[in-house]
Protein backbone atom coordinates (compact mmCIF):
# COMPACT_ATOMS: atom_id res chain seq x y z
CA MET A 1 -110.12 -44.05 -4.56
CA LYS A 2 -112.40 -47.10 -4.43
CA GLN A 3 -113.13 -46.68 -8.14
CA GLU A 4 -109.40 -46.70 -8.98
CA LYS A 5 -108.88 -49.91 -7.02
CA GLU A 6 -111.83 -51.48 -8.82
CA LEU A 7 -110.30 -50.45 -12.13
CA VAL A 8 -106.94 -51.95 -11.11
CA ASP A 9 -108.69 -55.24 -10.24
CA VAL A 10 -110.52 -55.31 -13.60
CA ILE A 11 -107.26 -54.53 -15.42
CA ILE A 12 -105.53 -57.42 -13.64
CA ALA A 13 -108.39 -59.74 -14.64
CA GLY A 14 -108.09 -58.56 -18.25
CA ILE A 15 -104.35 -59.27 -18.24
CA GLN A 16 -104.83 -62.71 -16.70
CA GLU A 17 -107.60 -63.52 -19.20
CA LYS A 18 -104.93 -63.52 -21.94
CA LYS A 19 -102.23 -65.18 -19.81
CA GLY A 20 -100.25 -61.98 -19.25
CA SER A 21 -97.54 -62.62 -16.67
CA GLN A 22 -95.40 -61.03 -13.96
CA ILE A 23 -98.01 -58.43 -13.06
CA VAL A 24 -96.82 -55.69 -10.74
CA VAL A 25 -99.03 -52.91 -9.35
CA ALA A 26 -97.14 -49.82 -8.22
CA ASP A 27 -99.17 -47.72 -5.77
CA LEU A 28 -98.06 -44.12 -6.33
CA ASN A 29 -100.56 -42.53 -3.93
CA GLY A 30 -98.87 -40.05 -1.66
CA ILE A 31 -95.78 -39.67 -3.87
CA GLU A 32 -95.16 -36.11 -5.06
CA GLY A 33 -95.08 -35.34 -8.77
CA THR A 34 -96.47 -38.59 -10.18
CA ILE A 35 -98.67 -38.51 -13.28
CA CYS A 36 -101.17 -41.05 -11.91
CA ARG A 37 -102.09 -43.04 -8.81
CA TYR A 38 -101.33 -46.57 -10.03
CA PHE A 39 -99.03 -48.20 -12.55
CA VAL A 40 -99.95 -51.73 -13.65
CA VAL A 41 -97.06 -53.44 -15.45
CA CYS A 42 -97.10 -56.86 -17.10
CA GLN A 43 -95.71 -58.76 -20.03
CA GLY A 44 -96.70 -60.96 -22.92
CA ASN A 45 -94.41 -63.33 -24.81
CA SER A 46 -95.09 -62.04 -28.33
CA PRO A 47 -96.41 -58.91 -30.05
CA ALA A 48 -99.66 -60.81 -30.75
CA GLN A 49 -100.06 -61.62 -27.03
CA VAL A 50 -99.26 -58.01 -26.04
CA GLU A 51 -102.01 -56.88 -28.42
CA ALA A 52 -104.46 -59.50 -27.08
CA ILE A 53 -103.78 -58.42 -23.48
CA THR A 54 -104.36 -54.77 -24.43
CA GLU A 55 -107.67 -55.61 -26.12
CA SER A 56 -108.78 -57.76 -23.17
CA VAL A 57 -108.04 -54.99 -20.64
CA ALA A 58 -109.89 -52.39 -22.75
CA GLU A 59 -112.91 -54.64 -23.25
CA MET A 60 -113.23 -55.68 -19.59
CA ALA A 61 -112.82 -52.10 -18.29
CA ARG A 62 -115.44 -50.88 -20.75
CA LYS A 63 -117.96 -53.68 -20.08
CA GLN A 64 -117.59 -53.86 -16.30
CA LEU A 65 -116.94 -50.23 -15.36
CA GLY A 66 -117.77 -48.15 -18.43
CA GLU A 67 -114.14 -46.97 -18.50
CA LYS A 68 -112.24 -46.20 -21.69
CA PRO A 69 -108.56 -45.29 -21.90
CA ALA A 70 -107.83 -41.64 -22.74
CA HIS A 71 -104.89 -42.82 -24.88
CA VAL A 72 -103.37 -46.09 -26.07
CA VAL A 73 -99.91 -45.95 -27.63
CA GLY A 74 -97.52 -48.58 -28.92
CA LEU A 75 -99.92 -50.91 -30.74
CA GLU A 76 -98.09 -50.39 -34.07
CA ASN A 77 -95.26 -52.71 -33.05
CA ALA A 78 -96.75 -54.08 -29.79
CA GLN A 79 -93.43 -54.27 -27.92
CA TRP A 80 -94.58 -51.79 -25.27
CA VAL A 81 -98.20 -50.68 -25.15
CA ALA A 82 -99.23 -47.97 -22.70
CA MET A 83 -102.89 -47.48 -21.80
CA ASP A 84 -103.81 -44.25 -20.02
CA TYR A 85 -106.86 -44.45 -17.75
CA THR A 86 -105.94 -41.05 -16.20
CA ASP A 87 -105.35 -42.25 -12.62
CA VAL A 88 -104.23 -45.73 -13.70
CA MET A 89 -101.54 -46.37 -16.32
CA VAL A 90 -101.22 -49.85 -17.82
CA HIS A 91 -97.97 -50.99 -19.44
CA VAL A 92 -97.85 -54.22 -21.43
CA PHE A 93 -94.34 -55.22 -22.49
CA LEU A 94 -92.39 -57.85 -24.32
CA PRO A 95 -89.95 -59.33 -21.73
CA ASP A 96 -86.71 -57.79 -23.07
CA VAL A 97 -88.26 -54.33 -23.49
CA ARG A 98 -89.66 -54.49 -19.96
CA GLU A 99 -86.30 -55.46 -18.55
CA TYR A 100 -84.61 -52.59 -20.39
CA TYR A 101 -86.98 -49.87 -19.11
CA ASP A 102 -87.54 -51.38 -15.63
CA LEU A 103 -90.56 -49.11 -15.11
CA GLU A 104 -91.78 -50.58 -11.85
CA HIS A 105 -88.59 -49.48 -10.11
CA LEU A 106 -88.72 -45.83 -11.27
CA TRP A 107 -90.29 -44.83 -7.96
CA TYR A 108 -88.23 -46.47 -5.24
CA ASP A 109 -90.75 -45.29 -2.63
CA ALA A 110 -93.80 -46.77 -4.40
CA GLN A 111 -95.52 -49.69 -2.78
CA LEU A 112 -95.22 -52.66 -5.15
CA LYS A 113 -97.71 -55.50 -5.19
CA TYR A 114 -96.71 -58.63 -7.12
CA ILE A 115 -99.62 -60.61 -8.55
CA GLU A 116 -99.07 -64.34 -8.84
CA ASP A 117 -99.20 -65.75 -12.38
CA LEU A 118 -102.15 -67.96 -13.25
CA ASP A 119 -101.22 -71.24 -14.87
């Protein structure tokens, strides 16, 4: 549990490092039938920024915690990249794609934590 929270914190730092915005952490602990314990959702303003955020998260998680994602999908067009850290899923979106899928509201009973944007 502590390790997952550490990973979430490192992921947030990786997102902020590349000016990712509107970060939301959905805590799915205690909800039946979820595929992981945490969803971290954010956005970048261009495919290049989405890619940079993804690389930053992967590098920081690897360097600080020795964690590597089991899967990364969506880099081909970088409109929605999903990174699977088993108990933590990271989703990096372009704004319109994020709005369309509205992932953070899939679990109405999840606890949502909104992280303030860095300037």
